Protein backbone atom coordinates (compact mmCIF):
# COMPACT_ATOMS: atom_id res chain seq x y z
CA GLN A 1 0.00 0.00 0.00
CA VAL A 2 1.01 3.61 -0.43
CA GLN A 3 2.16 5.70 2.51
CA VAL A 4 2.20 9.49 2.52
CA VAL A 5 3.70 11.91 5.03
CA GLU A 6 2.87 15.60 4.82
CA SER A 7 4.92 18.41 6.33
CA GLY A 8 5.61 22.09 6.02
CA GLY A 9 2.53 23.61 7.60
CA GLY A 10 2.62 26.36 10.16
CA LEU A 11 1.36 29.75 11.19
CA VAL A 12 1.78 32.58 8.70
CA GLN A 13 0.39 36.05 8.27
CA ALA A 14 -1.97 36.87 5.45
CA GLY A 15 -0.02 37.52 2.28
CA GLY A 16 2.73 35.13 3.31
CA SER A 17 3.91 31.89 1.77
CA LEU A 18 4.41 28.27 2.74
CA ARG A 19 5.62 25.21 0.90
CA LEU A 20 4.09 21.89 1.83
CA SER A 21 5.84 18.61 1.14
CA CYS A 22 4.43 15.13 0.72
CA VAL A 23 6.77 12.15 0.72
CA VAL A 24 5.26 9.14 -0.98
CA SER A 25 6.46 5.59 -0.36
CA GLY A 26 5.33 2.01 -0.67
CA ASN A 27 3.60 0.62 -3.73
CA ILE A 28 3.78 3.78 -5.85
CA PHE A 29 3.48 1.96 -9.15
CA GLY A 30 0.12 2.63 -10.66
CA ILE A 31 -0.29 6.08 -9.16
CA THR A 32 -1.70 8.23 -11.94
CA VAL A 33 -2.66 11.38 -10.06
CA MET A 34 -1.41 12.97 -6.85
CA ASN A 35 -3.76 15.38 -5.15
CA TRP A 36 -3.61 17.93 -2.37
CA TYR A 37 -6.78 18.33 -0.32
CA ARG A 38 -7.69 20.50 2.62
CA GLN A 39 -10.31 20.46 5.31
CA ALA A 40 -11.21 23.45 7.43
CA PRO A 41 -13.08 23.11 10.74
CA GLY A 42 -16.76 22.51 10.14
CA LYS A 43 -16.31 22.23 6.39
CA SER A 44 -16.12 19.33 3.98
CA ARG A 45 -12.87 18.20 2.42
CA GLU A 46 -11.88 20.17 -0.68
CA LEU A 47 -9.65 19.21 -3.58
CA VAL A 48 -7.05 21.97 -3.84
CA ALA A 49 -4.68 20.82 -6.58
CA GLY A 50 -3.77 17.75 -8.57
CA MET A 51 -1.00 16.61 -10.84
CA SER A 52 -1.18 13.71 -13.27
CA ILE A 53 1.63 11.33 -14.07
CA GLY A 54 2.00 13.21 -17.35
CA GLY A 55 2.50 16.49 -15.55
CA SER A 56 -0.83 18.16 -16.20
CA THR A 57 -2.22 20.11 -13.28
CA ASN A 58 -5.55 21.36 -12.03
CA TYR A 59 -6.49 23.73 -9.25
CA ALA A 60 -9.54 24.77 -7.31
CA ASP A 61 -10.78 28.17 -8.43
CA SER A 62 -10.11 29.53 -4.96
CA VAL A 63 -6.36 28.92 -5.23
CA LYS A 64 -5.65 29.45 -8.93
CA GLY A 65 -2.78 31.84 -9.46
CA ARG A 66 -1.65 31.51 -5.84
CA PHE A 67 -0.85 27.81 -5.36
CA THR A 68 1.46 25.63 -7.45
CA ILE A 69 1.74 21.85 -7.30
CA SER A 70 5.00 20.23 -8.36
CA ARG A 71 6.95 17.06 -7.83
CA ASP A 72 10.47 15.72 -7.53
CA ASN A 73 10.44 12.15 -8.77
CA ALA A 74 13.95 11.47 -7.47
CA LYS A 75 12.77 12.33 -3.97
CA SER A 76 9.31 10.76 -4.35
CA THR A 77 7.96 14.06 -3.11
CA VAL A 78 5.06 16.24 -4.15
CA TYR A 79 5.02 19.90 -3.19
CA LEU A 80 2.39 22.57 -2.81
CA GLN A 81 3.77 26.09 -2.99
CA MET A 82 1.26 28.47 -1.46
CA ASN A 83 1.66 32.20 -2.00
CA SER A 84 -0.51 35.19 -1.10
CA LEU A 85 -2.12 33.17 1.65
CA LYS A 86 -5.48 34.26 3.00
CA PRO A 87 -7.20 33.51 6.31
CA GLU A 88 -9.69 31.33 4.42
CA ASP A 89 -6.80 29.04 3.43
CA THR A 90 -6.60 27.93 7.05
CA ALA A 91 -7.12 24.16 7.12
CA VAL A 92 -5.44 20.81 7.54
CA TYR A 93 -3.80 19.92 4.23
CA TYR A 94 -3.53 16.34 3.03
CA CYS A 95 -1.92 14.73 0.03
CA ALA A 96 -3.09 11.45 -1.44
CA PRO A 97 -2.99 9.53 -4.68
CA PHE A 98 -6.29 9.50 -6.49
CA GLY A 99 -8.35 6.58 -5.24
CA LEU A 100 -6.42 5.91 -2.03
CA PRO A 101 -8.87 4.81 0.67
CA LEU A 102 -9.19 7.30 3.50
CA GLN A 103 -7.84 4.81 6.03
CA TYR A 104 -4.43 5.06 4.36
CA TRP A 105 -4.22 8.85 4.30
CA GLY A 106 -1.61 10.65 6.35
CA GLN A 107 -2.16 12.89 9.34
CA GLY A 108 -2.04 16.02 7.26
CA THR A 109 -0.29 19.27 8.09
CA GLN A 110 -1.97 22.27 9.69
CA VAL A 111 -1.85 25.61 7.92
CA THR A 112 -3.05 28.63 9.85
CA VAL A 113 -3.20 32.06 8.23
CA SER A 114 -3.69 35.02 10.54
CA SER A 115 -5.29 38.24 9.38
């Protein structure tokens, strides 16, 4: 099974930046899409960004132009560069391959943006 470990979250002021990292290990063959999700208190989980094995990307409208997903295959790591952060970006951020059952997701990393 695939294992993912997220890191890089923290407390930042509005307008600031953070870069999240997601190290992927285990049975990575067959992964076609890697996604970043987030979940804010009292809200449902939201797909933030995704990257296919071919390199194509997609973003939620709320983060377009501010967030960038990338990967380093040599390090088995997926990144989420977050710029111009807003208080509404506050959430726990998770990465997961498309289709990975929730029970195998990581603990996520907390991002808090102060106004």
